[in-house]
Amino acid sequence: MPKRKCLFSDDYTKEWSFIKRGRNDYEAFCSICGFHISVSHGGKSSVKDHIQSKNHKTKLSVASTSRDISTFMITQCTAEDMLICAAELTTAYKVVKHHQSFSSLDCTTKLNAVMYPDSSIAAKQSTARTKATAIIKHILAPHSIAQIKTEVEKVPFYGISTDSSNHKAEKLFPLLIQYFTEKEGLQIKLLKIDSLPNETSDTITSFCIKSLQDQNIPVQNIVAFSGDNTNTNFGGRDRYGINNVFFKLKEILSKDIEGIGCPAHILHNTASTAADVMSIDVESIVLKIFKYFSIFTVRVERLKDFCEQAAIEYNNILSHSRSRWLSLFPAIERILKLWLPLKEFFAKEAKAPKAVVDFFADPLSEVYTLFVHSQAFLIEKQIKKIEKSVITIVKVKNVLQDTKKQLSDRLINKYLGNQTTQLYNKLKNEGTINTSQSETFDKETGDFFNTAICYLEQWTEPMTKFDVFAWMILNDIPQWQQVEETTKYLNEKDIGIDDSMYEEFMYLKSFIECEISDEWKAKNMEAKWKHFFEKTEELERKANLLKMCQYIFAIPGHNAHVERVFSLISAQWTKERSSLSVSTIESIIQCVYNYKMSCTEFYNYVKGEKELLKKVKSTEKYEWAKKKDVV
C-alpha cells in the first residue's frame, strides 16, 4: 500500500515567517532563497533540512546585511505595539471617515511625532499614504465583509438592493444586504461595489448572484430584491415580462421573492404626474428662472437692486432636479420669497424668456405656485419619513396610505393651502380674475388631487399583501387572528411556522400588555422587537416570532440606502482624487458604511481586536506582498 503524501501546513509559516505555501499543497516556498521545497515525503523535516542547508544559510547571510534578521522572525507584540497598531488602524479609518486624502498622512504622521515629543506611540506610528491605503483595502474592508458573512450565516433570510450611477466612464453598481439579528437588530451592510459594462437585466442579475457566491453566502436565503422602479429591474408597474432582474432572480432561485421598488420615487412621480394636468407648469418655470440667473452675475446684481427697493433680503435662486421632488419645495419657497422683486425684474427685462415673462404677468400664477408649494411640502414631509435609515416595508406602506388619505381629505374639503386660499379669494373679490379663470383653476386643482390619488392607488396596490404584518408594529395588543394571517402567508412561502406559535403569541401578548405606553408607541418597530428578544431568554417563547421578524426585516423598505452609498462615493471620488481605482473606492465605502462608528468608538473597538492588530504589523497587507505569495 503506497505511503500517504504529506501536505503543507500553515504551522510552518507560524514558526518560520519566510516559509510560505508553494505552487500546490505538497510544496513549501522559501521567500529568502526563492526555492520550492517538496514536503510530500518528509513534511516538516524537509523544511528543517532546507533551513540547515548551505545555500539557505548563504542567502540568509546576504539578507541580514541589508535588513535586520528580525524581519524574518515572528516577534511577540508588546502592549505598546498593540496600542501603536490600534492608533494606525484608527488613523486610516479617520481619513476615510472624514473624506480626507491618503496623501495628507505623509505630513500628518511626521507632524504628530514633532507635536507630541513625549508620546512614544506618536513617534513610532508610521501610517503614511501607502500603509493607510493597505490597511483600508486589505485589513479593515475585508474584516467588515467577514463580519457580514459571520452574521448572515446565522440568519435564515436576507434581502438585497442595488442601483446604478455613473462616475465618468465607470458605471457603478453597489450591492447591499439587509437582515435582522436577535442581538443587533436590523442590519444594512455594503457587500460589493463593481463597475459593470452595461445595465442589462442579465448583467445586473449575474452581478448580484456572483457577488453573494464569491463570499459563500447562500443565495437560497434571498427573500427580497429592491431596486429603482425601472423596466430593467421589475418590468413595469404590473411586473410582467421575463426580461427583468426581478423575474430572473426568481427563476434562478426557483421560488417567489418580494420585489420592492423605491417608494420615494413613487411619491415623486405621484406629484409630478398630478402637476402635469395643470395649465401652468410651475416646475418648468422654476428651472427657467434658475437658468436665467445661474451664470450671469450682471443679472443677479440687477435683481439685487429690485430686492433692495422692495426691502426684501436677496437669496440665491435655487435649482431643482426633475427626478427629485425634495428639491422642488425649497426652490419654490425661494421664488415666493422673492416674488415681488422677480415680478418687477421680468416686467422690465428686455430679453427674458417669454414663458417666464407671461408667467409673472398672469395674476393667477402666484396662486398656482402657492398651491404647488403646499402640495410639495406634503410630499417632502412624507418622503423624509420614508427615507429614514431604520424603517420597515410595513411602515413605508402606512406612510403611502397616509399620503393617499391626506390627498383625499384635501380633495373632499377643497383644501388648497392657507396662503393659496387667501390669495385666491382676494383676487376673486377684487375682480382681478374672471369666472372662466376661476372655474379653470378649481377644475385643475381637483384634477391634481384625483390624478395623484389614482397614481398612488395603482403603484401601492402590490404592497397591500404586507397588511398581514401590520400588527408587528406593536402599537396595539396583537390579536390571534392577525397572527394567524401572518402564519398563513409565511407557510404559503414554505417558511415553516409550527404549532408552538400560539404559546409564543400568548407570551408576547402578556409582554405587550405590560409594556404598552406612550413611550413604547414612540419607539420604532425594530426597537420594540429588539427589546422583546433581549427580555425573553427562553428560545421556546420566541423561536417562531424571531423567524417572522427575520423575514419582514429582511425586506428593504426603500432604495435610499443605495442612494446614500452613491453620495459617499461622490464625497470620496472628487476631482482632486480622480486617480482612485474602483477597488480602492469599494474598500473605502465598505469601511465608512459598514462600521458606522465615530473615530473614538472605532479606536476603542479595534483595541480589543487582536487579529486585526497583528495584521497591521504583517507585510501581507501590501499589494506587493500579495503578488509575491502567488508563486
Foldseek 3Di string as FASTA:
>chain_A
DDDFFDFADCVVCVAWVQWECDQDRQWIAGNLQRDIFGRGPPNVVRVVVVCPDPSNVVSLVVVCVVPPSCVGGDDDADLLLLLLLLVLLLVLLVCLLVLHALQVQVPVLVVQCVVCVVDPSSVPRDRHSQLSLLCLQFFQLVVLLVVVQVVLVPFQAFEKEWEWDDDVQFIKIWIWIWFQDLAPGIDIATQDIDTDPDLWLVRVLCVHVVSCVVSPRDLLRYAEYEYAQDCQAQNHLVRDDCRHNQNVSCVVNVAHHYYHHFVLQLLLVLLVVLCVLAPQNVLVLLQLVLVVPVPDPVLVVQLCVLCVVVVADDDHQFHDDSSHLLRVLVNLVNCLSSVRSQLVSLCPDDDRDPSNPVLSVQLCNVLSSLLSNVLSVLSNVLSVVLLDPDDFLLVNLVSLVVSLVVLVVCLVVVPRDDVSVVSLVVCVVVVVDDPVVVVSVSVSSNSSSVSSNVSSCSNSVVVVLCVLCNCLQLLDQDDVVSVVSLQVVVVVRVNDDDPLVVVLSVVVSVVSVVVHDPVQNPDGSRVNSSVVSVVDDDCSNCVNVVSSSRNRRSYDNRNVVNVVLVVSLDSNCDPVNVPDDSSSSGSSSSSNRSPVDDSVVSSVVSSPVVVSSVVSPDPCSGPVNVVVSND
